[in-house]
Amino acid sequence: MNLRLDMDVQKLKTKKLKKGKNKAEGDFDSLKTDYKRLRCSMKAAGLGKTSDQNEKGELKARVAEFEKTLHQYRNRNSVIELRASLDKIEQMKRRNQV
């Protein structure tokens, strides 16, 4: 009789532990889903970046801006040099015609 009661108690404990385990697993899955959603929204908002990453992004933007400006100035200088060369050629033509 005691053995039967011990078995029943063990079964009840086992059943209770399984229910607790299943509830904990469900809660864990829910937390994982919430975490993934939060990470996605943070990534979309740009909140997950560290200050180093933000600084790198800002520096890359500045470098791109400086490269663009440098390219524009080089183009302007090329145009100025070409105009100067063209003026010299025209002056030489005028001298040869006179």
C-alpha atoms as a PDB file:
ATOM      1  CA  MET A   1       0.000   0.000   0.000  1.00  0.00           C
ATOM      2  CA  ASN A   2       2.828   2.440   0.877  1.00  0.00           C
ATOM      3  CA  LEU A   3       4.574   1.516  -2.339  1.00  0.00           C
ATOM      4  CA  ARG A   4       1.460   2.337  -4.346  1.00  0.00           C
ATOM      5  CA  LEU A   5       1.109   5.718  -2.592  1.00  0.00           C
ATOM      6  CA  ASP A   6       4.781   6.486  -3.248  1.00  0.00           C
ATOM      7  CA  MET A   7       4.251   5.696  -6.946  1.00  0.00           C
ATOM      8  CA  ASP A   8       1.180   7.940  -7.078  1.00  0.00           C
ATOM      9  CA  VAL A   9       3.103  10.767  -5.388  1.00  0.00           C
ATOM     10  CA  GLN A  10       5.991  10.320  -7.844  1.00  0.00           C
ATOM     11  CA  LYS A  11       3.551  10.387 -10.797  1.00  0.00           C
ATOM     12  CA  LEU A  12       1.946  13.582  -9.504  1.00  0.00           C
ATOM     13  CA  LYS A  13       5.354  15.210  -8.991  1.00  0.00           C
ATOM     14  CA  THR A  14       6.423  14.135 -12.475  1.00  0.00           C
ATOM     15  CA  LYS A  15       3.201  15.463 -13.988  1.00  0.00           C
ATOM     16  CA  LYS A  16       3.609  18.767 -12.122  1.00  0.00           C
ATOM     17  CA  LEU A  17       7.239  19.088 -13.255  1.00  0.00           C
ATOM     18  CA  LYS A  18       6.268  18.386 -16.883  1.00  0.00           C
ATOM     19  CA  LYS A  19       3.571  21.066 -16.747  1.00  0.00           C
ATOM     20  CA  GLY A  20       6.069  23.529 -15.299  1.00  0.00           C
ATOM     21  CA  LYS A  21       8.635  22.593 -17.920  1.00  0.00           C
ATOM     22  CA  ASN A  22       6.116  23.017 -20.755  1.00  0.00           C
ATOM     23  CA  LYS A  23       5.051  26.408 -19.381  1.00  0.00           C
ATOM     24  CA  ALA A  24       8.678  27.509 -19.057  1.00  0.00           C
ATOM     25  CA  GLU A  25       9.421  26.396 -22.634  1.00  0.00           C
ATOM     26  CA  GLY A  26       6.371  28.298 -23.894  1.00  0.00           C
ATOM     27  CA  ASP A  27       7.456  31.416 -22.020  1.00  0.00           C
ATOM     28  CA  PHE A  28      10.978  31.025 -23.377  1.00  0.00           C
ATOM     29  CA  ASP A  29       9.719  30.742 -26.967  1.00  0.00           C
ATOM     30  CA  SER A  30       7.558  33.813 -26.439  1.00  0.00           C
ATOM     31  CA  LEU A  31      10.539  35.746 -25.087  1.00  0.00           C
ATOM     32  CA  LYS A  32      12.696  34.683 -28.045  1.00  0.00           C
ATOM     33  CA  THR A  33      10.033  35.913 -30.462  1.00  0.00           C
ATOM     34  CA  ASP A  34       9.696  39.220 -28.614  1.00  0.00           C
ATOM     35  CA  TYR A  35      13.482  39.611 -28.576  1.00  0.00           C
ATOM     36  CA  LYS A  36      13.727  39.013 -32.325  1.00  0.00           C
ATOM     37  CA  ARG A  37      11.005  41.586 -32.999  1.00  0.00           C
ATOM     38  CA  LEU A  38      12.696  44.102 -30.734  1.00  0.00           C
ATOM     39  CA  ARG A  39      16.081  43.577 -32.422  1.00  0.00           C
ATOM     40  CA  CYS A  40      14.496  44.031 -35.859  1.00  0.00           C
ATOM     41  CA  SER A  41      12.785  47.253 -34.827  1.00  0.00           C
ATOM     42  CA  MET A  42      15.986  48.537 -33.199  1.00  0.00           C
ATOM     43  CA  LYS A  43      17.950  47.696 -36.326  1.00  0.00           C
ATOM     44  CA  ALA A  44      15.394  49.474 -38.496  1.00  0.00           C
ATOM     45  CA  ALA A  45      15.545  52.529 -36.244  1.00  0.00           C
ATOM     46  CA  GLY A  46      19.346  52.432 -36.058  1.00  0.00           C
ATOM     47  CA  LEU A  47      19.309  52.191 -32.276  1.00  0.00           C
ATOM     48  CA  GLY A  48      21.403  49.044 -32.074  1.00  0.00           C
ATOM     49  CA  LYS A  49      24.559  50.729 -33.275  1.00  0.00           C
ATOM     50  CA  THR A  50      27.403  51.494 -30.963  1.00  0.00           C
ATOM     51  CA  SER A  51      29.025  54.902 -30.876  1.00  0.00           C
ATOM     52  CA  ASP A  52      31.990  53.493 -32.827  1.00  0.00           C
ATOM     53  CA  GLN A  53      29.670  52.297 -35.580  1.00  0.00           C
ATOM     54  CA  ASN A  54      27.924  55.677 -35.651  1.00  0.00           C
ATOM     55  CA  GLU A  55      31.285  57.446 -35.801  1.00  0.00           C
ATOM     56  CA  LYS A  56      32.439  55.172 -38.629  1.00  0.00           C
ATOM     57  CA  GLY A  57      29.263  55.940 -40.555  1.00  0.00           C
ATOM     58  CA  GLU A  58      29.736  59.658 -40.069  1.00  0.00           C
ATOM     59  CA  LEU A  59      33.381  59.450 -41.132  1.00  0.00           C
ATOM     60  CA  LYS A  60      32.489  57.459 -44.241  1.00  0.00           C
ATOM     61  CA  ALA A  61      29.915  60.092 -45.153  1.00  0.00           C
ATOM     62  CA  ARG A  62      32.480  62.869 -44.671  1.00  0.00           C
ATOM     63  CA  VAL A  63      35.061  61.005 -46.765  1.00  0.00           C
ATOM     64  CA  ALA A  64      32.512  60.546 -49.539  1.00  0.00           C
ATOM     65  CA  GLU A  65      31.677  64.249 -49.381  1.00  0.00           C
ATOM     66  CA  PHE A  66      35.364  65.232 -49.511  1.00  0.00           C
ATOM     67  CA  GLU A  67      35.986  62.886 -52.445  1.00  0.00           C
ATOM     68  CA  LYS A  68      33.073  64.445 -54.294  1.00  0.00           C
ATOM     69  CA  THR A  69      34.391  67.951 -53.595  1.00  0.00           C
ATOM     70  CA  LEU A  70      37.909  66.952 -54.668  1.00  0.00           C
ATOM     71  CA  HIS A  71      36.538  65.514 -57.903  1.00  0.00           C
ATOM     72  CA  GLN A  72      34.644  68.747 -58.592  1.00  0.00           C
ATOM     73  CA  TYR A  73      37.745  70.881 -57.999  1.00  0.00           C
ATOM     74  CA  ARG A  74      39.849  68.637 -60.215  1.00  0.00           C
ATOM     75  CA  ASN A  75      37.270  68.983 -62.972  1.00  0.00           C
ATOM     76  CA  ARG A  76      37.269  72.765 -62.561  1.00  0.00           C
ATOM     77  CA  ASN A  77      41.064  72.854 -62.665  1.00  0.00           C
ATOM     78  CA  SER A  78      41.056  70.717 -65.806  1.00  0.00           C
ATOM     79  CA  VAL A  79      38.594  73.081 -67.463  1.00  0.00           C
ATOM     80  CA  ILE A  80      40.710  76.092 -66.473  1.00  0.00           C
ATOM     81  CA  GLU A  81      43.871  74.426 -67.807  1.00  0.00           C
ATOM     82  CA  LEU A  82      42.137  73.494 -71.051  1.00  0.00           C
ATOM     83  CA  ARG A  83      40.878  77.059 -71.511  1.00  0.00           C
ATOM     84  CA  ALA A  84      44.375  78.416 -70.869  1.00  0.00           C
ATOM     85  CA  SER A  85      45.824  75.994 -73.417  1.00  0.00           C
ATOM     86  CA  LEU A  86      43.143  76.930 -75.919  1.00  0.00           C
ATOM     87  CA  ASP A  87      43.903  80.627 -75.410  1.00  0.00           C
ATOM     88  CA  LYS A  88      47.615  79.985 -76.002  1.00  0.00           C
ATOM     89  CA  ILE A  89      46.844  78.062 -79.175  1.00  0.00           C
ATOM     90  CA  GLU A  90      44.609  80.869 -80.435  1.00  0.00           C
ATOM     91  CA  GLN A  91      47.319  83.446 -79.659  1.00  0.00           C
ATOM     92  CA  MET A  92      49.863  81.365 -81.565  1.00  0.00           C
ATOM     93  CA  LYS A  93      47.474  81.143 -84.520  1.00  0.00           C
ATOM     94  CA  ARG A  94      47.017  84.914 -84.509  1.00  0.00           C
ATOM     95  CA  ARG A  95      50.782  85.448 -84.462  1.00  0.00           C
ATOM     96  CA  ASN A  96      51.254  83.101 -87.378  1.00  0.00           C
ATOM     97  CA  GLN A  97      48.527  84.842 -89.370  1.00  0.00           C
ATOM     98  CA  VAL A  98      50.052  88.292 -88.937  1.00  0.00           C
END
